[in-house]
Amino acid sequence: MSRLARRVVVTRKIYEEGLAMLRDRVEDVFVYDKDQGMPREELLDAVKGCHGILCMLSDKIDKQVLDAAGDSLQCVSTLSVGFDHIDMAECKARGIKVGNTPGVLTNATADLTLSLLLATARLIPQAVHEAKTGGWGTWKPMWLCGTELAGKTCGVIGMGRIGERNGRTWHD
């Protein structure tokens, strides 16, 4: 497999599968191997002479970072749906390609929506509180029953990617 770039900077620890794909195609992959964001000064130093940056939503990729990377920078990609943390006008002016991951969180967010619906309907936060504070006591037939969802109609407000995914999941 041909190598496409000589050096890529990854601003946060990511899954090993993703790193393996990068390492198969890139001579030098620098990874900031921590779960918190890369300090600004370290980012400015790390990107010097790199060909690509794989950043996170919390990394501000502005003119200062692009200047630090220099003329070798060919692409910036973000492991997020949004890309307002990247100076798109500056990247366009320099001919730097920008990528994002537009569908990466659709299923996860839809799953969380469903879990919050179930937690609310079935009074799960209240039950957890009672269990943690010793208020559980003896069984009571009407206590913490919540609302049964079987046979109910659930409306979805907004039919974007996540609303549509929820509608399909709940319908199936």
Protein backbone atom coordinates (compact mmCIF):
# COMPACT_ATOMS: atom_id res chain seq x y z
CA MET A 1 0.00 0.00 0.00
CA SER A 2 1.43 3.40 -0.91
CA ARG A 3 2.02 5.95 1.78
CA LEU A 4 0.06 9.15 1.30
CA ALA A 5 1.65 11.40 3.92
CA ARG A 6 4.85 11.50 5.87
CA ARG A 7 3.59 12.92 9.18
CA VAL A 8 0.16 13.16 10.81
CA VAL A 9 -0.60 14.63 14.25
CA VAL A 10 -3.48 13.09 16.24
CA THR A 11 -4.46 15.47 19.03
CA ARG A 12 -6.02 12.91 21.37
CA LYS A 13 -5.91 9.21 22.13
CA ILE A 14 -8.23 7.37 19.72
CA TYR A 15 -9.22 3.75 19.15
CA GLU A 16 -6.36 1.47 18.17
CA GLU A 17 -8.20 0.37 14.98
CA GLY A 18 -8.12 3.96 13.72
CA LEU A 19 -4.46 4.35 14.61
CA ALA A 20 -3.63 1.09 12.83
CA MET A 21 -5.25 2.41 9.63
CA LEU A 22 -3.22 5.61 9.89
CA ARG A 23 0.02 3.78 10.61
CA ASP A 24 -0.51 1.60 7.51
CA ARG A 25 -0.59 4.72 5.34
CA VAL A 26 1.59 7.28 7.12
CA GLU A 27 5.31 7.16 7.88
CA ASP A 28 5.11 9.06 11.19
CA VAL A 29 1.96 9.23 13.31
CA PHE A 30 2.30 11.42 16.39
CA VAL A 31 -0.44 10.76 18.96
CA TYR A 32 -1.05 12.87 22.04
CA ASP A 33 -1.75 9.81 24.13
CA LYS A 34 -4.03 11.31 26.78
CA ASP A 35 -7.79 11.52 27.21
CA GLN A 36 -7.78 15.28 27.77
CA GLY A 37 -7.09 17.93 25.17
CA MET A 38 -3.60 18.71 24.01
CA PRO A 39 -2.29 21.92 25.60
CA ARG A 40 -2.09 24.74 23.06
CA GLU A 41 1.70 25.16 23.21
CA GLU A 42 2.22 21.42 22.71
CA LEU A 43 -0.18 21.47 19.75
CA LEU A 44 1.67 24.38 18.14
CA ASP A 45 4.95 22.51 18.55
CA ALA A 46 3.61 19.11 17.42
CA VAL A 47 2.13 20.34 14.13
CA LYS A 48 5.38 21.85 12.82
CA GLY A 49 6.03 20.32 9.41
CA CYS A 50 3.11 17.88 9.56
CA HIS A 51 1.08 16.89 6.51
CA GLY A 52 -2.17 16.18 8.33
CA ILE A 53 -3.94 16.91 11.59
CA LEU A 54 -6.61 14.66 13.10
CA CYS A 55 -8.23 16.85 15.74
CA MET A 56 -11.15 16.81 18.12
CA LEU A 57 -14.02 19.28 18.61
CA SER A 58 -12.16 20.82 21.56
CA ASP A 59 -9.08 21.69 19.47
CA LYS A 60 -9.11 25.19 17.99
CA ILE A 61 -7.52 24.91 14.55
CA ASP A 62 -7.03 28.54 13.66
CA LYS A 63 -4.54 30.65 11.71
CA GLN A 64 -1.95 30.28 14.47
CA VAL A 65 -2.05 26.46 14.23
CA LEU A 66 -2.03 26.54 10.43
CA ASP A 67 0.94 28.92 10.48
CA ALA A 68 2.77 26.62 12.91
CA ALA A 69 2.15 23.62 10.63
CA GLY A 70 3.54 25.47 7.64
CA ASP A 71 3.25 24.80 3.93
CA SER A 72 3.45 21.02 4.29
CA LEU A 73 -0.06 20.80 5.81
CA GLN A 74 -2.45 19.20 3.31
CA CYS A 75 -5.48 18.25 5.37
CA VAL A 76 -7.25 18.72 8.68
CA SER A 77 -9.81 16.18 9.77
CA THR A 78 -11.96 16.30 12.87
CA LEU A 79 -13.38 13.38 14.79
CA SER A 80 -16.69 15.21 15.16
CA VAL A 81 -19.79 16.17 13.26
CA GLY A 82 -19.27 19.90 13.77
CA PHE A 83 -16.31 21.79 12.37
CA ASP A 84 -16.74 25.35 13.65
CA HIS A 85 -13.52 24.90 15.66
CA ILE A 86 -11.62 24.89 12.34
CA ASP A 87 -10.94 28.14 10.49
CA MET A 88 -12.56 27.05 7.23
CA ALA A 89 -11.83 30.29 5.37
CA GLU A 90 -8.13 30.08 6.21
CA CYS A 91 -7.99 26.40 5.19
CA LYS A 92 -9.71 27.21 1.89
CA ALA A 93 -7.32 30.09 1.21
CA ARG A 94 -4.36 27.75 1.75
CA GLY A 95 -5.82 24.85 -0.24
CA ILE A 96 -6.01 22.64 2.87
CA LYS A 97 -8.67 19.94 2.65
CA VAL A 98 -10.99 19.58 5.66
CA GLY A 99 -12.90 16.46 6.66
CA ASN A 100 -15.36 15.59 9.39
CA THR A 101 -17.40 12.57 10.51
CA PRO A 102 -21.01 13.63 9.83
CA GLY A 103 -22.85 10.45 10.83
CA VAL A 104 -20.59 9.21 13.60
CA LEU A 105 -22.90 10.04 16.52
CA THR A 106 -26.35 9.54 15.00
CA ASN A 107 -26.99 6.07 16.46
CA ALA A 108 -25.36 6.88 19.80
CA THR A 109 -27.41 10.06 20.23
CA ALA A 110 -30.60 8.28 19.20
CA ASP A 111 -29.83 5.52 21.74
CA LEU A 112 -29.32 8.13 24.46
CA THR A 113 -32.62 9.77 23.53
CA LEU A 114 -34.38 6.43 23.96
CA SER A 115 -32.60 5.75 27.25
CA LEU A 116 -33.63 9.17 28.61
CA LEU A 117 -37.22 8.53 27.53
CA LEU A 118 -37.22 5.17 29.33
CA ALA A 119 -35.50 6.61 32.42
CA THR A 120 -38.06 9.40 32.64
CA ALA A 121 -41.10 7.21 31.99
CA ARG A 122 -40.00 4.52 34.46
CA LEU A 123 -38.70 6.91 37.17
CA ILE A 124 -35.23 5.39 37.09
CA PRO A 125 -33.41 8.46 38.52
CA GLN A 126 -35.78 8.49 41.49
CA ALA A 127 -35.32 4.74 42.02
CA VAL A 128 -31.52 5.10 41.93
CA HIS A 129 -31.74 7.95 44.45
CA GLU A 130 -33.90 5.84 46.78
CA ALA A 131 -31.52 2.87 46.49
CA LYS A 132 -28.46 5.03 47.21
CA THR A 133 -29.97 6.89 50.16
CA GLY A 134 -31.53 3.87 51.88
CA GLY A 135 -35.11 4.84 51.08
CA TRP A 136 -35.87 1.61 49.21
CA GLY A 137 -37.67 -0.11 52.10
CA THR A 138 -40.30 -2.75 51.54
CA TRP A 139 -42.17 -3.38 48.32
CA LYS A 140 -45.17 -1.14 47.60
CA PRO A 141 -47.42 -1.97 44.65
CA MET A 142 -47.70 1.60 43.29
CA TRP A 143 -44.25 2.91 44.22
CA LEU A 144 -41.93 3.97 41.39
CA CYS A 145 -44.01 2.26 38.70
CA GLY A 146 -43.81 5.16 36.31
CA THR A 147 -45.52 5.05 32.94
CA GLU A 148 -45.74 1.96 30.76
CA LEU A 149 -44.77 2.72 27.18
CA ALA A 150 -46.46 -0.30 25.57
CA GLY A 151 -49.43 0.86 23.53
CA LYS A 152 -48.43 4.53 23.73
CA THR A 153 -47.80 6.88 20.83
CA CYS A 154 -44.50 8.70 20.88
CA GLY A 155 -44.05 11.86 18.84
CA VAL A 156 -40.74 13.00 17.40
CA ILE A 157 -40.11 16.74 17.16
CA GLY A 158 -37.65 17.38 14.36
CA MET A 159 -36.83 14.88 11.65
CA GLY A 160 -33.13 15.48 11.15
CA ARG A 161 -30.67 12.57 11.27
CA ILE A 162 -31.32 11.84 14.95
CA GLY A 163 -35.08 12.39 14.89
CA GLU A 164 -35.39 10.14 11.85
CA ARG A 165 -33.24 7.45 13.50
CA ASN A 166 -35.43 7.60 16.63
CA GLY A 167 -38.59 7.33 14.55
CA ARG A 168 -37.28 4.28 12.70
CA THR A 169 -36.00 2.59 15.86
CA TRP A 170 -39.19 3.16 17.81
CA HIS A 171 -41.38 2.12 14.89
CA ASP A 172 -39.52 -1.15 14.35
